[in-house]
C-alpha atoms as a PDB file:
ATOM      1  CA  UNK A   1      63.534 161.796 115.666  1.00  0.00           C
ATOM      2  CA  UNK A   2      60.286 160.998 117.414  1.00  0.00           C
ATOM      3  CA  UNK A   3      58.550 160.305 114.119  1.00  0.00           C
ATOM      4  CA  UNK A   4      60.928 157.416 113.347  1.00  0.00           C
ATOM      5  CA  UNK A   5      59.745 153.843 113.894  1.00  0.00           C
ATOM      6  CA  UNK A   6      62.141 150.967 114.555  1.00  0.00           C
ATOM      7  CA  UNK A   7      60.695 147.582 113.605  1.00  0.00           C
ATOM      8  CA  UNK A   8      61.547 144.131 112.295  1.00  0.00           C
ATOM      9  CA  UNK A   9      62.516 144.073 108.651  1.00  0.00           C
ATOM     10  CA  UNK A  10      60.153 142.698 106.015  1.00  0.00           C
ATOM     11  CA  UNK A  11      61.035 141.309 102.605  1.00  0.00           C
ATOM     12  CA  UNK A  12      59.571 144.447 101.001  1.00  0.00           C
ATOM     13  CA  UNK A  13      62.235 146.538 102.812  1.00  0.00           C
ATOM     14  CA  UNK A  14      65.248 144.701 101.401  1.00  0.00           C
ATOM     15  CA  UNK A  15      65.795 146.813  98.289  1.00  0.00           C
ATOM     16  CA  UNK A  16      65.810 149.977 100.413  1.00  0.00           C
ATOM     17  CA  UNK A  17      68.256 148.324 102.833  1.00  0.00           C
ATOM     18  CA  UNK A  18      70.479 147.326  99.906  1.00  0.00           C
ATOM     19  CA  UNK A  19      70.451 150.902  98.542  1.00  0.00           C
ATOM     20  CA  UNK A  20      71.662 152.244 101.890  1.00  0.00           C
ATOM     21  CA  UNK A  21      74.287 149.487 102.125  1.00  0.00           C
ATOM     22  CA  UNK A  22      75.714 150.407  98.718  1.00  0.00           C
ATOM     23  CA  UNK A  23      75.869 154.098  99.651  1.00  0.00           C
ATOM     24  CA  UNK A  24      77.588 153.454 102.982  1.00  0.00           C
ATOM     25  CA  UNK A  25      80.158 150.717 102.373  1.00  0.00           C
ATOM     26  CA  UNK A  26      83.004 150.121  99.926  1.00  0.00           C
ATOM     27  CA  UNK A  27      82.408 146.353 100.249  1.00  0.00           C
ATOM     28  CA  UNK A  28      78.595 146.155 100.350  1.00  0.00           C
ATOM     29  CA  UNK A  29      76.713 142.988 101.150  1.00  0.00           C
ATOM     30  CA  UNK A  30      74.781 141.423  98.262  1.00  0.00           C
ATOM     31  CA  UNK A  31      70.985 141.160  98.356  1.00  0.00           C
ATOM     32  CA  UNK A  32      71.164 137.435  99.160  1.00  0.00           C
ATOM     33  CA  UNK A  33      73.098 138.126 102.362  1.00  0.00           C
ATOM     34  CA  UNK A  34      70.316 140.347 103.683  1.00  0.00           C
ATOM     35  CA  UNK A  35      67.715 137.858 102.512  1.00  0.00           C
ATOM     36  CA  UNK A  36      69.403 135.113 104.553  1.00  0.00           C
ATOM     37  CA  UNK A  37      68.808 137.123 107.776  1.00  0.00           C
ATOM     38  CA  UNK A  38      65.119 137.917 107.190  1.00  0.00           C
ATOM     39  CA  UNK A  39      63.945 135.658 110.024  1.00  0.00           C
ATOM     40  CA  UNK A  40      66.424 136.984 112.589  1.00  0.00           C
ATOM     41  CA  UNK A  41      64.821 139.017 115.381  1.00  0.00           C
ATOM     42  CA  UNK A  42      67.899 141.264 115.326  1.00  0.00           C
ATOM     43  CA  UNK A  43      67.326 142.484 111.759  1.00  0.00           C
ATOM     44  CA  UNK A  44      65.620 145.820 112.353  1.00  0.00           C
ATOM     45  CA  UNK A  45      64.997 148.903 110.261  1.00  0.00           C
ATOM     46  CA  UNK A  46      64.313 152.517 111.143  1.00  0.00           C
ATOM     47  CA  UNK A  47      61.741 154.215 108.948  1.00  0.00           C
ATOM     48  CA  UNK A  48      59.970 157.523 108.685  1.00  0.00           C
ATOM     49  CA  UNK A  49      56.897 158.005 106.535  1.00  0.00           C
ATOM     50  CA  UNK A  50      57.583 154.729 104.717  1.00  0.00           C
ATOM     51  CA  UNK A  51      61.243 155.520 103.952  1.00  0.00           C
ATOM     52  CA  UNK A  52      63.964 153.276 105.347  1.00  0.00           C
ATOM     53  CA  UNK A  53      66.623 155.443 107.015  1.00  0.00           C
ATOM     54  CA  UNK A  54      68.836 152.781 108.588  1.00  0.00           C
ATOM     55  CA  UNK A  55      69.123 149.198 109.752  1.00  0.00           C
ATOM     56  CA  UNK A  56      70.933 146.733 111.950  1.00  0.00           C
ATOM     57  CA  UNK A  57      71.518 143.067 111.164  1.00  0.00           C
ATOM     58  CA  UNK A  58      72.260 140.829 114.150  1.00  0.00           C
ATOM     59  CA  UNK A  59      71.864 137.217 115.196  1.00  0.00           C
ATOM     60  CA  UNK A  60      72.489 134.916 118.157  1.00  0.00           C
ATOM     61  CA  UNK A  61      74.726 131.846 118.174  1.00  0.00           C
ATOM     62  CA  UNK A  62      74.376 129.171 120.882  1.00  0.00           C
ATOM     63  CA  UNK A  63      77.499 128.898 123.010  1.00  0.00           C
ATOM     64  CA  UNK A  64      77.268 126.482 125.958  1.00  0.00           C
ATOM     65  CA  UNK A  65      74.666 128.450 127.907  1.00  0.00           C
ATOM     66  CA  UNK A  66      76.266 131.841 127.266  1.00  0.00           C
ATOM     67  CA  UNK A  67      74.899 132.619 123.812  1.00  0.00           C
ATOM     68  CA  UNK A  68      76.715 135.203 121.716  1.00  0.00           C
ATOM     69  CA  UNK A  69      74.977 137.959 119.793  1.00  0.00           C
ATOM     70  CA  UNK A  70      76.698 139.281 116.705  1.00  0.00           C
ATOM     71  CA  UNK A  71      76.078 142.701 115.198  1.00  0.00           C
ATOM     72  CA  UNK A  72      76.879 141.923 111.581  1.00  0.00           C
ATOM     73  CA  UNK A  73      75.928 145.162 109.862  1.00  0.00           C
ATOM     74  CA  UNK A  74      74.642 148.594 110.837  1.00  0.00           C
ATOM     75  CA  UNK A  75      74.130 151.607 108.615  1.00  0.00           C
ATOM     76  CA  UNK A  76      72.290 154.915 108.504  1.00  0.00           C
ATOM     77  CA  UNK A  77      71.554 156.691 105.238  1.00  0.00           C
ATOM     78  CA  UNK A  78      73.958 159.643 104.823  1.00  0.00           C
ATOM     79  CA  UNK A  79      71.135 162.197 104.851  1.00  0.00           C
ATOM     80  CA  UNK A  80      69.826 160.845 108.196  1.00  0.00           C
ATOM     81  CA  UNK A  81      73.140 160.879 110.086  1.00  0.00           C
ATOM     82  CA  UNK A  82      73.893 163.012 113.115  1.00  0.00           C
ATOM     83  CA  UNK A  83      70.412 162.628 114.615  1.00  0.00           C
ATOM     84  CA  UNK A  84      71.087 159.727 116.985  1.00  0.00           C
ATOM     85  CA  UNK A  85      69.491 157.180 114.705  1.00  0.00           C
ATOM     86  CA  UNK A  86      72.469 154.798 114.698  1.00  0.00           C
ATOM     87  CA  UNK A  87      72.456 154.760 118.517  1.00  0.00           C
ATOM     88  CA  UNK A  88      68.710 154.124 118.591  1.00  0.00           C
ATOM     89  CA  UNK A  89      68.892 151.254 116.093  1.00  0.00           C
ATOM     90  CA  UNK A  90      71.892 149.726 117.888  1.00  0.00           C
ATOM     91  CA  UNK A  91      70.185 149.875 121.298  1.00  0.00           C
ATOM     92  CA  UNK A  92      67.026 148.263 119.923  1.00  0.00           C
ATOM     93  CA  UNK A  93      69.148 145.575 118.282  1.00  0.00           C
ATOM     94  CA  UNK A  94      70.887 144.885 121.594  1.00  0.00           C
ATOM     95  CA  UNK A  95      67.530 144.548 123.351  1.00  0.00           C
ATOM     96  CA  UNK A  96      66.388 142.118 120.676  1.00  0.00           C
ATOM     97  CA  UNK A  97      69.553 140.045 121.097  1.00  0.00           C
ATOM     98  CA  UNK A  98      69.055 140.025 124.863  1.00  0.00           C
ATOM     99  CA  UNK A  99      65.447 138.844 124.500  1.00  0.00           C
ATOM    100  CA  UNK A 100      66.734 136.138 122.135  1.00  0.00           C
ATOM    101  CA  UNK A 101      69.075 134.793 124.835  1.00  0.00           C
ATOM    102  CA  UNK A 102      72.407 136.483 124.104  1.00  0.00           C
ATOM    103  CA  UNK A 103      74.621 137.137 127.139  1.00  0.00           C
ATOM    104  CA  UNK A 104      77.429 138.823 125.219  1.00  0.00           C
ATOM    105  CA  UNK A 105      77.439 140.728 121.914  1.00  0.00           C
ATOM    106  CA  UNK A 106      80.360 141.106 119.542  1.00  0.00           C
ATOM    107  CA  UNK A 107      80.995 143.099 116.392  1.00  0.00           C
ATOM    108  CA  UNK A 108      83.822 143.960 114.038  1.00  0.00           C
ATOM    109  CA  UNK A 109      84.582 147.504 112.934  1.00  0.00           C
ATOM    110  CA  UNK A 110      87.229 149.098 110.740  1.00  0.00           C
ATOM    111  CA  UNK A 111      90.036 150.582 112.842  1.00  0.00           C
ATOM    112  CA  UNK A 112      89.785 153.835 110.840  1.00  0.00           C
ATOM    113  CA  UNK A 113      85.995 154.206 111.216  1.00  0.00           C
ATOM    114  CA  UNK A 114      85.999 156.820 113.992  1.00  0.00           C
ATOM    115  CA  UNK A 115      82.260 157.618 113.895  1.00  0.00           C
ATOM    116  CA  UNK A 116      81.360 153.935 114.353  1.00  0.00           C
ATOM    117  CA  UNK A 117      84.036 153.383 117.007  1.00  0.00           C
ATOM    118  CA  UNK A 118      82.735 156.385 118.934  1.00  0.00           C
ATOM    119  CA  UNK A 119      79.154 155.093 118.785  1.00  0.00           C
ATOM    120  CA  UNK A 120      80.109 151.595 119.895  1.00  0.00           C
ATOM    121  CA  UNK A 121      82.229 152.872 122.787  1.00  0.00           C
ATOM    122  CA  UNK A 122      79.474 155.227 123.883  1.00  0.00           C
ATOM    123  CA  UNK A 123      76.959 152.367 123.976  1.00  0.00           C
ATOM    124  CA  UNK A 124      79.386 150.260 126.036  1.00  0.00           C
ATOM    125  CA  UNK A 125      81.403 148.093 123.667  1.00  0.00           C
ATOM    126  CA  UNK A 126      85.056 147.537 124.539  1.00  0.00           C
ATOM    127  CA  UNK A 127      87.792 146.587 122.048  1.00  0.00           C
ATOM    128  CA  UNK A 128      88.826 142.987 122.720  1.00  0.00           C
ATOM    129  CA  UNK A 129      91.507 142.670 120.054  1.00  0.00           C
ATOM    130  CA  UNK A 130      92.731 143.933 116.707  1.00  0.00           C
ATOM    131  CA  UNK A 131      92.233 141.588 113.743  1.00  0.00           C
ATOM    132  CA  UNK A 132      94.889 142.147 111.053  1.00  0.00           C
ATOM    133  CA  UNK A 133      93.713 142.431 107.428  1.00  0.00           C
ATOM    134  CA  UNK A 134      90.117 141.585 108.354  1.00  0.00           C
ATOM    135  CA  UNK A 135      88.658 143.406 105.356  1.00  0.00           C
ATOM    136  CA  UNK A 136      89.226 142.522 101.718  1.00  0.00           C
ATOM    137  CA  UNK A 137      91.101 145.795 101.162  1.00  0.00           C
ATOM    138  CA  UNK A 138      93.580 144.828 103.885  1.00  0.00           C
ATOM    139  CA  UNK A 139      92.334 147.163 106.632  1.00  0.00           C
ATOM    140  CA  UNK A 140      92.400 145.829 110.183  1.00  0.00           C
ATOM    141  CA  UNK A 141      89.303 145.513 112.345  1.00  0.00           C
ATOM    142  CA  UNK A 142      88.676 145.804 116.034  1.00  0.00           C
ATOM    143  CA  UNK A 143      86.684 142.990 117.571  1.00  0.00           C
ATOM    144  CA  UNK A 144      84.513 144.744 120.148  1.00  0.00           C
ATOM    145  CA  UNK A 145      82.491 143.081 122.913  1.00  0.00           C
ATOM    146  CA  UNK A 146      79.617 144.080 125.177  1.00  0.00           C
ATOM    147  CA  UNK A 147      78.340 142.140 128.206  1.00  0.00           C
ATOM    148  CA  UNK A 148      74.562 142.549 128.067  1.00  0.00           C
ATOM    149  CA  UNK A 149      74.017 142.063 131.813  1.00  0.00           C
ATOM    150  CA  UNK A 150      76.372 144.983 132.539  1.00  0.00           C
ATOM    151  CA  UNK A 151      74.813 147.044 129.741  1.00  0.00           C
ATOM    152  CA  UNK A 152      71.287 146.550 131.063  1.00  0.00           C
ATOM    153  CA  UNK A 153      72.468 146.845 134.697  1.00  0.00           C
END
């Protein structure tokens, strides 16, 4: 997907992001949640010819000199899946978190979401623990962690 651009989100992109969110998740984020992350350097979109195809939302939290990045949301529009776009967006998000001072990155993922688990493992995330009933529907989550210095190594 050489004709795809990954860039920082802009306010004008939020409705497209929200449309993808609603198509991809049973518990979608509301518009205001995305709006609250507009200034985060880890909120990136992938677009082709003006159409948003996917996004990642991530931020960095200070933590005693070893700041923690958090991948909060990542999605690719169903029609754009299987082309490596999720991997590309995730990698760019990780670079952004690294440049913003994160040493470690965490995320939560549904234990039954095999495509996402496969992607995260492939990129280098390791399961740290299982979180019971993390999601509103009662499904457990895996907390996964990636050390950025090892990842960039």
